[in-house]
Amino acid sequence: MSEADFTAPVRDPEFSATGVRIERWPRSLTTAGQVLVEGGTLALLTSYGRVIDSAPVQAVRVGRPWFGAGSDSAVALVNGTRYRLTLSGSGRGRDGRALTGRLLEVLRKAGDGSG
């Protein structure tokens, strides 16, 4: 058998953003982190790929901040810990507002089980 027979299919994550500022009040954990939604799990990673926190998307609450933040921010409650995610530095030619909206959409669909 060839090597190709043993390789698993590679799936793209439902959502991935790099260059994300991840804060856990009152301090910043990373200014170049990554938010990844893959296989029904949300993971917050440092710039080195170390997991800050992760949870099944059904257990994650996410939304936009009520006040005092730009439209490129989201607030996520992961395992009882509140994180502020600022996606303005995520690159790939997309602005922070579009990325934040996409993250909210992906998490809502995945949480409903309709993704």
PDB file of N, CA and C in Angstrom:
ATOM      1  N   MET A   1       0.832  -1.191   0.000  1.00  0.00           N
ATOM      2  CA  MET A   1       0.000   0.000   0.000  1.00  0.00           C
ATOM      3  C   MET A   1       0.869   1.246   0.000  1.00  0.00           C
ATOM      4  N   SER A   2       0.354   2.263  -0.596  1.00  0.00           N
ATOM      5  CA  SER A   2       1.101   3.516  -0.641  1.00  0.00           C
ATOM      6  C   SER A   2       0.796   4.358   0.587  1.00  0.00           C
ATOM      7  N   GLU A   3       1.605   5.406   0.772  1.00  0.00           N
ATOM      8  CA  GLU A   3       1.372   6.315   1.899  1.00  0.00           C
ATOM      9  C   GLU A   3       0.016   6.982   1.816  1.00  0.00           C
ATOM     10  N   ALA A   4      -0.455   7.213   0.611  1.00  0.00           N
ATOM     11  CA  ALA A   4      -1.739   7.889   0.430  1.00  0.00           C
ATOM     12  C   ALA A   4      -2.883   7.089   1.035  1.00  0.00           C
ATOM     13  N   ASP A   5      -2.757   5.774   1.124  1.00  0.00           N
ATOM     14  CA  ASP A   5      -3.811   4.946   1.692  1.00  0.00           C
ATOM     15  C   ASP A   5      -3.968   5.146   3.193  1.00  0.00           C
ATOM     16  N   PHE A   6      -2.947   5.686   3.829  1.00  0.00           N
ATOM     17  CA  PHE A   6      -2.974   5.838   5.279  1.00  0.00           C
ATOM     18  C   PHE A   6      -3.234   7.258   5.742  1.00  0.00           C
ATOM     19  N   THR A   7      -3.308   8.200   4.845  1.00  0.00           N
ATOM     20  CA  THR A   7      -3.511   9.578   5.261  1.00  0.00           C
ATOM     21  C   THR A   7      -4.989   9.865   5.444  1.00  0.00           C
ATOM     22  N   ALA A   8      -5.291  10.535   6.518  1.00  0.00           N
ATOM     23  CA  ALA A   8      -6.665  10.925   6.787  1.00  0.00           C
ATOM     24  C   ALA A   8      -7.002  12.155   5.959  1.00  0.00           C
ATOM     25  N   PRO A   9      -8.261  12.307   5.602  1.00  0.00           N
ATOM     26  CA  PRO A   9      -8.622  13.512   4.847  1.00  0.00           C
ATOM     27  C   PRO A   9      -8.393  14.757   5.689  1.00  0.00           C
ATOM     28  N   VAL A  10      -7.814  15.772   5.082  1.00  0.00           N
ATOM     29  CA  VAL A  10      -7.521  17.019   5.784  1.00  0.00           C
ATOM     30  C   VAL A  10      -8.702  17.954   5.586  1.00  0.00           C
ATOM     31  N   ARG A  11      -9.285  18.388   6.686  1.00  0.00           N
ATOM     32  CA  ARG A  11     -10.413  19.309   6.634  1.00  0.00           C
ATOM     33  C   ARG A  11      -9.954  20.683   7.066  1.00  0.00           C
ATOM     34  N   ASP A  12     -10.463  21.680   6.395  1.00  0.00           N
ATOM     35  CA  ASP A  12     -10.204  23.045   6.821  1.00  0.00           C
ATOM     36  C   ASP A  12     -11.047  23.323   8.052  1.00  0.00           C
ATOM     37  N   PRO A  13     -10.525  24.115   8.978  1.00  0.00           N
ATOM     38  CA  PRO A  13     -11.334  24.479  10.146  1.00  0.00           C
ATOM     39  C   PRO A  13     -12.521  25.335   9.712  1.00  0.00           C
ATOM     40  N   GLU A  14     -13.590  25.278  10.504  1.00  0.00           N
ATOM     41  CA  GLU A  14     -14.760  26.098  10.205  1.00  0.00           C
ATOM     42  C   GLU A  14     -14.425  27.582  10.317  1.00  0.00           C
ATOM     43  N   PHE A  15     -13.510  27.914  11.234  1.00  0.00           N
ATOM     44  CA  PHE A  15     -13.091  29.306  11.411  1.00  0.00           C
ATOM     45  C   PHE A  15     -11.679  29.314  11.949  1.00  0.00           C
ATOM     46  N   SER A  16     -10.867  30.215  11.417  1.00  0.00           N
ATOM     47  CA  SER A  16      -9.509  30.383  11.912  1.00  0.00           C
ATOM     48  C   SER A  16      -9.117  31.842  11.720  1.00  0.00           C
ATOM     49  N   ALA A  17      -8.610  32.462  12.771  1.00  0.00           N
ATOM     50  CA  ALA A  17      -8.116  33.837  12.691  1.00  0.00           C
ATOM     51  C   ALA A  17      -6.834  33.919  13.492  1.00  0.00           C
ATOM     52  N   THR A  18      -5.840  34.556  12.911  1.00  0.00           N
ATOM     53  CA  THR A  18      -4.563  34.750  13.591  1.00  0.00           C
ATOM     54  C   THR A  18      -4.384  36.233  13.883  1.00  0.00           C
ATOM     55  N   GLY A  19      -3.409  36.547  14.698  1.00  0.00           N
ATOM     56  CA  GLY A  19      -3.161  37.938  15.059  1.00  0.00           C
ATOM     57  C   GLY A  19      -4.226  38.498  15.980  1.00  0.00           C
ATOM     58  N   VAL A  20      -4.857  37.621  16.749  1.00  0.00           N
ATOM     59  CA  VAL A  20      -5.969  38.014  17.617  1.00  0.00           C
ATOM     60  C   VAL A  20      -5.438  38.407  18.996  1.00  0.00           C
ATOM     61  N   ARG A  21      -5.890  39.544  19.487  1.00  0.00           N
ATOM     62  CA  ARG A  21      -5.572  39.939  20.865  1.00  0.00           C
ATOM     63  C   ARG A  21      -6.566  39.219  21.774  1.00  0.00           C
ATOM     64  N   ILE A  22      -6.057  38.425  22.707  1.00  0.00           N
ATOM     65  CA  ILE A  22      -6.895  37.670  23.635  1.00  0.00           C
ATOM     66  C   ILE A  22      -6.634  38.194  25.035  1.00  0.00           C
ATOM     67  N   GLU A  23      -7.691  38.702  25.668  1.00  0.00           N
ATOM     68  CA  GLU A  23      -7.578  39.273  27.004  1.00  0.00           C
ATOM     69  C   GLU A  23      -8.481  38.514  27.970  1.00  0.00           C
ATOM     70  N   ARG A  24      -7.965  38.304  29.163  1.00  0.00           N
ATOM     71  CA  ARG A  24      -8.761  37.800  30.284  1.00  0.00           C
ATOM     72  C   ARG A  24      -8.634  38.883  31.331  1.00  0.00           C
ATOM     73  N   TRP A  25      -9.753  39.532  31.584  1.00  0.00           N
ATOM     74  CA  TRP A  25      -9.713  40.714  32.439  1.00  0.00           C
ATOM     75  C   TRP A  25      -8.918  40.457  33.699  1.00  0.00           C
ATOM     76  N   PRO A  26      -8.040  41.349  34.068  1.00  0.00           N
ATOM     77  CA  PRO A  26      -7.747  42.649  33.474  1.00  0.00           C
ATOM     78  C   PRO A  26      -6.512  42.642  32.596  1.00  0.00           C
ATOM     79  N   ARG A  27      -5.993  41.488  32.207  1.00  0.00           N
ATOM     80  CA  ARG A  27      -4.718  41.507  31.485  1.00  0.00           C
ATOM     81  C   ARG A  27      -4.810  40.852  30.110  1.00  0.00           C
ATOM     82  N   SER A  28      -3.875  41.220  29.256  1.00  0.00           N
ATOM     83  CA  SER A  28      -3.777  40.643  27.926  1.00  0.00           C
ATOM     84  C   SER A  28      -2.964  39.352  28.009  1.00  0.00           C
ATOM     85  N   LEU A  29      -3.478  38.284  27.412  1.00  0.00           N
ATOM     86  CA  LEU A  29      -2.762  37.014  27.400  1.00  0.00           C
ATOM     87  C   LEU A  29      -1.848  36.901  26.189  1.00  0.00           C
ATOM     88  N   THR A  30      -2.298  37.447  25.057  1.00  0.00           N
ATOM     89  CA  THR A  30      -1.487  37.462  23.849  1.00  0.00           C
ATOM     90  C   THR A  30      -2.024  38.528  22.904  1.00  0.00           C
ATOM     91  N   THR A  31      -1.135  39.105  22.140  1.00  0.00           N
ATOM     92  CA  THR A  31      -1.560  40.091  21.154  1.00  0.00           C
ATOM     93  C   THR A  31      -1.515  39.516  19.741  1.00  0.00           C
ATOM     94  N   ALA A  32      -1.044  38.293  19.611  1.00  0.00           N
ATOM     95  CA  ALA A  32      -0.947  37.662  18.289  1.00  0.00           C
ATOM     96  C   ALA A  32      -1.432  36.221  18.374  1.00  0.00           C
ATOM     97  N   GLY A  33      -2.539  36.010  19.067  1.00  0.00           N
ATOM     98  CA  GLY A  33      -3.066  34.670  19.262  1.00  0.00           C
ATOM     99  C   GLY A  33      -3.872  34.179  18.082  1.00  0.00           C
ATOM    100  N   GLN A  34      -4.500  33.037  18.287  1.00  0.00           N
ATOM    101  CA  GLN A  34      -5.307  32.426  17.238  1.00  0.00           C
ATOM    102  C   GLN A  34      -6.611  31.926  17.834  1.00  0.00           C
ATOM    103  N   VAL A  35      -7.698  32.121  17.091  1.00  0.00           N
ATOM    104  CA  VAL A  35      -8.997  31.569  17.435  1.00  0.00           C
ATOM    105  C   VAL A  35      -9.301  30.527  16.380  1.00  0.00           C
ATOM    106  N   LEU A  36      -9.616  29.312  16.825  1.00  0.00           N
ATOM    107  CA  LEU A  36      -9.830  28.201  15.916  1.00  0.00           C
ATOM    108  C   LEU A  36     -11.113  27.479  16.294  1.00  0.00           C
ATOM    109  N   VAL A  37     -12.000  27.288  15.320  1.00  0.00           N
ATOM    110  CA  VAL A  37     -13.188  26.470  15.517  1.00  0.00           C
ATOM    111  C   VAL A  37     -13.059  25.303  14.555  1.00  0.00           C
ATOM    112  N   GLU A  38     -12.935  24.105  15.137  1.00  0.00           N
ATOM    113  CA  GLU A  38     -12.701  22.917  14.319  1.00  0.00           C
ATOM    114  C   GLU A  38     -13.280  21.699  15.015  1.00  0.00           C
ATOM    115  N   GLY A  39     -14.020  20.912  14.285  1.00  0.00           N
ATOM    116  CA  GLY A  39     -14.562  19.674  14.833  1.00  0.00           C
ATOM    117  C   GLY A  39     -15.472  19.887  16.023  1.00  0.00           C
ATOM    118  N   GLY A  40     -16.203  20.991  16.049  1.00  0.00           N
ATOM    119  CA  GLY A  40     -17.129  21.250  17.148  1.00  0.00           C
ATOM    120  C   GLY A  40     -16.479  21.794  18.402  1.00  0.00           C
ATOM    121  N   THR A  41     -15.228  22.234  18.300  1.00  0.00           N
ATOM    122  CA  THR A  41     -14.500  22.765  19.452  1.00  0.00           C
ATOM    123  C   THR A  41     -13.946  24.152  19.142  1.00  0.00           C
ATOM    124  N   LEU A  42     -14.082  25.060  20.101  1.00  0.00           N
ATOM    125  CA  LEU A  42     -13.448  26.374  20.014  1.00  0.00           C
ATOM    126  C   LEU A  42     -12.152  26.300  20.802  1.00  0.00           C
ATOM    127  N   ALA A  43     -11.061  26.752  20.200  1.00  0.00           N
ATOM    128  CA  ALA A  43      -9.772  26.777  20.891  1.00  0.00           C
ATOM    129  C   ALA A  43      -9.176  28.174  20.779  1.00  0.00           C
ATOM    130  N   LEU A  44      -8.669  28.675  21.892  1.00  0.00           N
ATOM    131  CA  LEU A  44      -7.930  29.934  21.941  1.00  0.00           C
ATOM    132  C   LEU A  44      -6.468  29.560  22.134  1.00  0.00           C
ATOM    133  N   LEU A  45      -5.616  30.009  21.203  1.00  0.00           N
ATOM    134  CA  LEU A  45      -4.218  29.609  21.209  1.00  0.00           C
ATOM    135  C   LEU A  45      -3.309  30.822  21.303  1.00  0.00           C
ATOM    136  N   THR A  46      -2.127  30.631  21.898  1.00  0.00           N
ATOM    137  CA  THR A  46      -1.117  31.684  21.910  1.00  0.00           C
ATOM    138  C   THR A  46      -0.463  31.746  20.536  1.00  0.00           C
ATOM    139  N   SER A  47       0.418  32.710  20.352  1.00  0.00           N
ATOM    140  CA  SER A  47       1.133  32.831  19.082  1.00  0.00           C
ATOM    141  C   SER A  47       2.064  31.639  18.848  1.00  0.00           C
ATOM    142  N   TYR A  48       2.390  30.909  19.906  1.00  0.00           N
ATOM    143  CA  TYR A  48       3.243  29.731  19.792  1.00  0.00           C
ATOM    144  C   TYR A  48       2.441  28.446  19.625  1.00  0.00           C
ATOM    145  N   GLY A  49       1.109  28.551  19.594  1.00  0.00           N
ATOM    146  CA  GLY A  49       0.264  27.380  19.412  1.00  0.00           C
ATOM    147  C   GLY A  49      -0.149  26.688  20.695  1.00  0.00           C
ATOM    148  N   ARG A  50       0.241  27.234  21.852  1.00  0.00           N
ATOM    149  CA  ARG A  50      -0.154  26.652  23.131  1.00  0.00           C
ATOM    150  C   ARG A  50      -1.619  26.993  23.402  1.00  0.00           C
ATOM    151  N   VAL A  51      -2.373  26.005  23.891  1.00  0.00           N
ATOM    152  CA  VAL A  51      -3.798  26.206  24.148  1.00  0.00           C
ATOM    153  C   VAL A  51      -3.985  27.043  25.409  1.00  0.00           C
ATOM    154  N   ILE A  52      -4.684  28.154  25.272  1.00  0.00           N
ATOM    155  CA  ILE A  52      -5.057  28.979  26.416  1.00  0.00           C
ATOM    156  C   ILE A  52      -6.292  28.376  27.064  1.00  0.00           C
ATOM    157  N   ASP A  53      -7.283  28.050  26.233  1.00  0.00           N
ATOM    158  CA  ASP A  53      -8.530  27.448  26.702  1.00  0.00           C
ATOM    159  C   ASP A  53      -9.233  26.848  25.501  1.00  0.00           C
ATOM    160  N   SER A  54     -10.039  25.831  25.742  1.00  0.00           N
ATOM    161  CA  SER A  54     -10.842  25.245  24.678  1.00  0.00           C
ATOM    162  C   SER A  54     -12.070  24.599  25.292  1.00  0.00           C
ATOM    163  N   ALA A  55     -13.122  24.496  24.477  1.00  0.00           N
ATOM    164  CA  ALA A  55     -14.370  23.896  24.936  1.00  0.00           C
ATOM    165  C   ALA A  55     -15.224  23.549  23.728  1.00  0.00           C
ATOM    166  N   PRO A  56     -16.156  22.605  23.897  1.00  0.00           N
ATOM    167  CA  PRO A  56     -17.111  22.336  22.822  1.00  0.00           C
ATOM    168  C   PRO A  56     -17.924  23.600  22.536  1.00  0.00           C
ATOM    169  N   VAL A  57     -18.237  23.838  21.267  1.00  0.00           N
ATOM    170  CA  VAL A  57     -18.930  25.077  20.911  1.00  0.00           C
ATOM    171  C   VAL A  57     -20.296  25.194  21.591  1.00  0.00           C
ATOM    172  N   GLN A  58     -20.925  24.080  21.916  1.00  0.00           N
ATOM    173  CA  GLN A  58     -22.219  24.134  22.605  1.00  0.00           C
ATOM    174  C   GLN A  58     -22.094  24.720  24.004  1.00  0.00           C
ATOM    175  N   ALA A  59     -20.908  24.652  24.587  1.00  0.00           N
ATOM    176  CA  ALA A  59     -20.685  25.150  25.939  1.00  0.00           C
ATOM    177  C   ALA A  59     -20.130  26.573  25.957  1.00  0.00           C
ATOM    178  N   VAL A  60     -19.911  27.166  24.781  1.00  0.00           N
ATOM    179  CA  VAL A  60     -19.312  28.496  24.677  1.00  0.00           C
ATOM    180  C   VAL A  60     -20.414  29.521  24.427  1.00  0.00           C
ATOM    181  N   ARG A  61     -20.369  30.624  25.167  1.00  0.00           N
ATOM    182  CA  ARG A  61     -21.252  31.767  24.907  1.00  0.00           C
ATOM    183  C   ARG A  61     -20.402  32.868  24.312  1.00  0.00           C
ATOM    184  N   VAL A  62     -20.889  33.461  23.238  1.00  0.00           N
ATOM    185  CA  VAL A  62     -20.113  34.510  22.575  1.00  0.00           C
ATOM    186  C   VAL A  62     -21.059  35.588  22.063  1.00  0.00           C
ATOM    187  N   GLY A  63     -20.584  36.821  22.106  1.00  0.00           N
ATOM    188  CA  GLY A  63     -21.371  37.944  21.614  1.00  0.00           C
ATOM    189  C   GLY A  63     -20.496  39.173  21.497  1.00  0.00           C
ATOM    190  N   ARG A  64     -21.120  40.245  21.067  1.00  0.00           N
ATOM    191  CA  ARG A  64     -20.394  41.513  20.972  1.00  0.00           C
ATOM    192  C   ARG A  64     -20.476  42.227  22.323  1.00  0.00           C
ATOM    193  N   PRO A  65     -19.422  42.969  22.683  1.00  0.00           N
ATOM    194  CA  PRO A  65     -19.468  43.742  23.930  1.00  0.00           C
ATOM    195  C   PRO A  65     -20.577  44.790  23.862  1.00  0.00           C
ATOM    196  N   TRP A  66     -21.181  45.075  24.997  1.00  0.00           N
ATOM    197  CA  TRP A  66     -22.264  46.057  25.044  1.00  0.00           C
ATOM    198  C   TRP A  66     -21.762  47.467  24.782  1.00  0.00           C
ATOM    199  N   PHE A  67     -20.592  47.800  25.354  1.00  0.00           N
ATOM    200  CA  PHE A  67     -20.083  49.161  25.212  1.00  0.00           C
ATOM    201  C   PHE A  67     -18.579  49.163  25.390  1.00  0.00           C
ATOM    202  N   GLY A  68     -17.967  50.270  25.006  1.00  0.00           N
ATOM    203  CA  GLY A  68     -16.546  50.470  25.273  1.00  0.00           C
ATOM    204  C   GLY A  68     -15.610  49.640  24.432  1.00  0.00           C
ATOM    205  N   ALA A  69     -16.094  49.085  23.334  1.00  0.00           N
ATOM    206  CA  ALA A  69     -15.206  48.297  22.484  1.00  0.00           C
ATOM    207  C   ALA A  69     -15.578  48.530  21.028  1.00  0.00           C
ATOM    208  N   GLY A  70     -14.621  48.330  20.167  1.00  0.00           N
ATOM    209  CA  GLY A  70     -14.874  48.501  18.744  1.00  0.00           C
ATOM    210  C   GLY A  70     -15.685  47.346  18.183  1.00  0.00           C
ATOM    211  N   SER A  71     -16.073  47.486  16.948  1.00  0.00           N
ATOM    212  CA  SER A  71     -16.875  46.453  16.294  1.00  0.00           C
ATOM    213  C   SER A  71     -16.043  45.239  15.906  1.00  0.00           C
ATOM    214  N   ASP A  72     -14.724  45.310  16.139  1.00  0.00           N
ATOM    215  CA  ASP A  72     -13.852  44.182  15.833  1.00  0.00           C
ATOM    216  C   ASP A  72     -13.630  43.284  17.047  1.00  0.00           C
ATOM    217  N   SER A  73     -14.432  43.465  18.110  1.00  0.00           N
ATOM    218  CA  SER A  73     -14.262  42.705  19.346  1.00  0.00           C
ATOM    219  C   SER A  73     -15.446  41.781  19.602  1.00  0.00           C
ATOM    220  N   ALA A  74     -15.149  40.706  20.302  1.00  0.00           N
ATOM    221  CA  ALA A  74     -16.176  39.777  20.764  1.00  0.00           C
ATOM    222  C   ALA A  74     -15.823  39.382  22.195  1.00  0.00           C
ATOM    223  N   VAL A  75     -16.842  39.016  22.951  1.00  0.00           N
ATOM    224  CA  VAL A  75     -16.642  38.506  24.303  1.00  0.00           C
ATOM    225  C   VAL A  75     -17.068  37.047  24.298  1.00  0.00           C
ATOM    226  N   ALA A  76     -16.187  36.173  24.755  1.00  0.00           N
ATOM    227  CA  ALA A  76     -16.478  34.741  24.782  1.00  0.00           C
ATOM    228  C   ALA A  76     -16.368  34.229  26.211  1.00  0.00           C
ATOM    229  N   LEU A  77     -17.346  33.433  26.622  1.00  0.00           N
ATOM    230  CA  LEU A  77     -17.320  32.762  27.918  1.00  0.00           C
ATOM    231  C   LEU A  77     -16.983  31.305  27.651  1.00  0.00           C
ATOM    232  N   VAL A  78     -15.757  30.921  28.020  1.00  0.00           N
ATOM    233  CA  VAL A  78     -15.238  29.582  27.761  1.00  0.00           C
ATOM    234  C   VAL A  78     -14.887  28.942  29.099  1.00  0.00           C
ATOM    235  N   ASN A  79     -15.548  27.851  29.432  1.00  0.00           N
ATOM    236  CA  ASN A  79     -15.298  27.147  30.697  1.00  0.00           C
ATOM    237  C   ASN A  79     -15.410  28.081  31.898  1.00  0.00           C
ATOM    238  N   GLY A  80     -16.363  28.997  31.854  1.00  0.00           N
ATOM    239  CA  GLY A  80     -16.596  29.907  32.967  1.00  0.00           C
ATOM    240  C   GLY A  80     -15.662  31.103  33.022  1.00  0.00           C
ATOM    241  N   THR A  81     -14.769  31.231  32.068  1.00  0.00           N
ATOM    242  CA  THR A  81     -13.826  32.349  32.028  1.00  0.00           C
ATOM    243  C   THR A  81     -14.203  33.258  30.872  1.00  0.00           C
ATOM    244  N   ARG A  82     -14.241  34.563  31.143  1.00  0.00           N
ATOM    245  CA  ARG A  82     -14.597  35.536  30.120  1.00  0.00           C
ATOM    246  C   ARG A  82     -13.339  36.048  29.431  1.00  0.00           C
ATOM    247  N   TYR A  83     -13.360  35.986  28.108  1.00  0.00           N
ATOM    248  CA  TYR A  83     -12.255  36.461  27.285  1.00  0.00           C
ATOM    249  C   TYR A  83     -12.764  37.539  26.342  1.00  0.00           C
ATOM    250  N   ARG A  84     -11.940  38.547  26.122  1.00  0.00           N
ATOM    251  CA  ARG A  84     -12.235  39.544  25.096  1.00  0.00           C
ATOM    252  C   ARG A  84     -11.318  39.256  23.924  1.00  0.00           C
ATOM    253  N   LEU A  85     -11.913  39.088  22.752  1.00  0.00           N
ATOM    254  CA  LEU A  85     -11.175  38.763  21.543  1.00  0.00           C
ATOM    255  C   LEU A  85     -11.252  39.957  20.597  1.00  0.00           C
ATOM    256  N   THR A  86     -10.095  40.492  20.213  1.00  0.00           N
ATOM    257  CA  THR A  86     -10.044  41.603  19.272  1.00  0.00           C
ATOM    258  C   THR A  86      -9.416  41.091  17.994  1.00  0.00           C
ATOM    259  N   LEU A  87     -10.206  41.040  16.931  1.00  0.00           N
ATOM    260  CA  LEU A  87      -9.779  40.420  15.687  1.00  0.00           C
ATOM    261  C   LEU A  87      -9.292  41.412  14.648  1.00  0.00           C
ATOM    262  N   SER A  88      -8.928  42.614  15.049  1.00  0.00           N
ATOM    263  CA  SER A  88      -8.521  43.636  14.077  1.00  0.00           C
ATOM    264  C   SER A  88      -7.196  43.332  13.406  1.00  0.00           C
ATOM    265  N   GLY A  89      -6.334  42.570  14.037  1.00  0.00           N
ATOM    266  CA  GLY A  89      -5.021  42.298  13.461  1.00  0.00           C
ATOM    267  C   GLY A  89      -4.937  40.976  12.753  1.00  0.00           C
ATOM    268  N   SER A  90      -6.061  40.436  12.329  1.00  0.00           N
ATOM    269  CA  SER A  90      -6.087  39.075  11.812  1.00  0.00           C
ATOM    270  C   SER A  90      -5.590  38.903  10.395  1.00  0.00           C
ATOM    271  N   GLY A  91      -5.415  39.971   9.663  1.00  0.00           N
ATOM    272  CA  GLY A  91      -4.834  39.873   8.327  1.00  0.00           C
ATOM    273  C   GLY A  91      -5.732  39.204   7.307  1.00  0.00           C
ATOM    274  N   ARG A  92      -5.103  38.602   6.289  1.00  0.00           N
ATOM    275  CA  ARG A  92      -5.778  37.943   5.175  1.00  0.00           C
ATOM    276  C   ARG A  92      -6.723  38.866   4.419  1.00  0.00           C
ATOM    277  N   GLY A  93      -6.524  40.158   4.519  1.00  0.00           N
ATOM    278  CA  GLY A  93      -7.308  41.096   3.748  1.00  0.00           C
ATOM    279  C   GLY A  93      -8.725  41.318   4.249  1.00  0.00           C
ATOM    280  N   ARG A  94      -9.085  40.731   5.378  1.00  0.00           N
ATOM    281  CA  ARG A  94     -10.428  40.908   5.915  1.00  0.00           C
ATOM    282  C   ARG A  94     -10.343  41.842   7.107  1.00  0.00           C
ATOM    283  N   ASP A  95     -11.333  42.697   7.237  1.00  0.00           N
ATOM    284  CA  ASP A  95     -11.307  43.610   8.368  1.00  0.00           C
ATOM    285  C   ASP A  95     -11.830  42.913   9.621  1.00  0.00           C
ATOM    286  N   GLY A  96     -11.556  43.523  10.765  1.00  0.00           N
ATOM    287  CA  GLY A  96     -11.930  42.937  12.044  1.00  0.00           C
ATOM    288  C   GLY A  96     -13.426  42.760  12.206  1.00  0.00           C
ATOM    289  N   ARG A  97     -14.206  43.700  11.701  1.00  0.00           N
ATOM    290  CA  ARG A  97     -15.672  43.606  11.832  1.00  0.00           C
ATOM    291  C   ARG A  97     -16.190  42.374  11.091  1.00  0.00           C
ATOM    292  N   ALA A  98     -15.690  42.133   9.875  1.00  0.00           N
ATOM    293  CA  ALA A  98     -16.126  40.973   9.094  1.00  0.00           C
ATOM    294  C   ALA A  98     -15.710  39.667   9.775  1.00  0.00           C
ATOM    295  N   LEU A  99     -14.490  39.620  10.310  1.00  0.00           N
ATOM    296  CA  LEU A  99     -14.032  38.412  10.998  1.00  0.00           C
ATOM    297  C   LEU A  99     -14.838  38.141  12.265  1.00  0.00           C
ATOM    298  N   THR A 100     -15.140  39.195  13.017  1.00  0.00           N
ATOM    299  CA  THR A 100     -15.932  39.020  14.233  1.00  0.00           C
ATOM    300  C   THR A 100     -17.316  38.504  13.884  1.00  0.00           C
ATOM    301  N   GLY A 101     -17.921  39.077  12.859  1.00  0.00           N
ATOM    302  CA  GLY A 101     -19.231  38.605  12.424  1.00  0.00           C
ATOM    303  C   GLY A 101     -19.200  37.161  11.973  1.00  0.00           C
ATOM    304  N   ARG A 102     -18.153  36.781  11.255  1.00  0.00           N
ATOM    305  CA  ARG A 102     -18.003  35.394  10.796  1.00  0.00           C
ATOM    306  C   ARG A 102     -17.834  34.441  11.985  1.00  0.00           C
ATOM    307  N   LEU A 103     -17.044  34.835  12.982  1.00  0.00           N
ATOM    308  CA  LEU A 103     -16.868  34.008  14.175  1.00  0.00           C
ATOM    309  C   LEU A 103     -18.208  33.797  14.876  1.00  0.00           C
ATOM    310  N   LEU A 104     -18.960  34.863  15.075  1.00  0.00           N
ATOM    311  CA  LEU A 104     -20.263  34.745  15.727  1.00  0.00           C
ATOM    312  C   LEU A 104     -21.189  33.835  14.936  1.00  0.00           C
ATOM    313  N   GLU A 105     -21.194  33.974  13.626  1.00  0.00           N
ATOM    314  CA  GLU A 105     -22.047  33.146  12.767  1.00  0.00           C
ATOM    315  C   GLU A 105     -21.668  31.667  12.859  1.00  0.00           C
ATOM    316  N   VAL A 106     -20.380  31.365  12.778  1.00  0.00           N
ATOM    317  CA  VAL A 106     -19.915  29.980  12.837  1.00  0.00           C
ATOM    318  C   VAL A 106     -20.258  29.354  14.177  1.00  0.00           C
ATOM    319  N   LEU A 107     -20.049  30.085  15.272  1.00  0.00           N
ATOM    320  CA  LEU A 107     -20.337  29.535  16.590  1.00  0.00           C
ATOM    321  C   LEU A 107     -21.832  29.330  16.802  1.00  0.00           C
ATOM    322  N   ARG A 108     -22.640  30.242  16.304  1.00  0.00           N
ATOM    323  CA  ARG A 108     -24.089  30.057  16.445  1.00  0.00           C
ATOM    324  C   ARG A 108     -24.564  28.848  15.665  1.00  0.00           C
ATOM    325  N   LYS A 109     -24.088  28.684  14.432  1.00  0.00           N
ATOM    326  CA  LYS A 109     -24.474  27.517  13.624  1.00  0.00           C
ATOM    327  C   LYS A 109     -23.989  26.213  14.257  1.00  0.00           C
ATOM    328  N   ALA A 110     -22.748  26.211  14.697  1.00  0.00           N
ATOM    329  CA  ALA A 110     -22.188  24.995  15.313  1.00  0.00           C
ATOM    330  C   ALA A 110     -22.888  24.675  16.619  1.00  0.00           C
ATOM    331  N   GLY A 111     -23.237  25.688  17.389  1.00  0.00           N
ATOM    332  CA  GLY A 111     -23.940  25.481  18.652  1.00  0.00           C
ATOM    333  C   GLY A 111     -25.347  24.958  18.472  1.00  0.00           C
ATOM    334  N   ASP A 112     -25.976  25.323  17.337  1.00  0.00           N
ATOM    335  CA  ASP A 112     -27.312  24.833  17.039  1.00  0.00           C
ATOM    336  C   ASP A 112     -27.290  23.437  16.459  1.00  0.00           C
ATOM    337  N   GLY A 113     -26.106  22.980  16.069  1.00  0.00           N
ATOM    338  CA  GLY A 113     -25.998  21.660  15.457  1.00  0.00           C
ATOM    339  C   GLY A 113     -26.388  21.657  13.994  1.00  0.00           C
ATOM    340  N   SER A 114     -26.534  22.844  13.388  1.00  0.00           N
ATOM    341  CA  SER A 114     -26.936  22.924  11.997  1.00  0.00           C
ATOM    342  C   SER A 114     -25.761  23.195  11.062  1.00  0.00           C
ATOM    343  N   GLY A 115     -24.507  23.111  11.596  1.00  0.00           N
ATOM    344  CA  GLY A 115     -23.342  23.444  10.794  1.00  0.00           C
ATOM    345  C   GLY A 115     -22.947  22.312   9.975  1.00  0.00           C
TER     346      GLY A 115
END
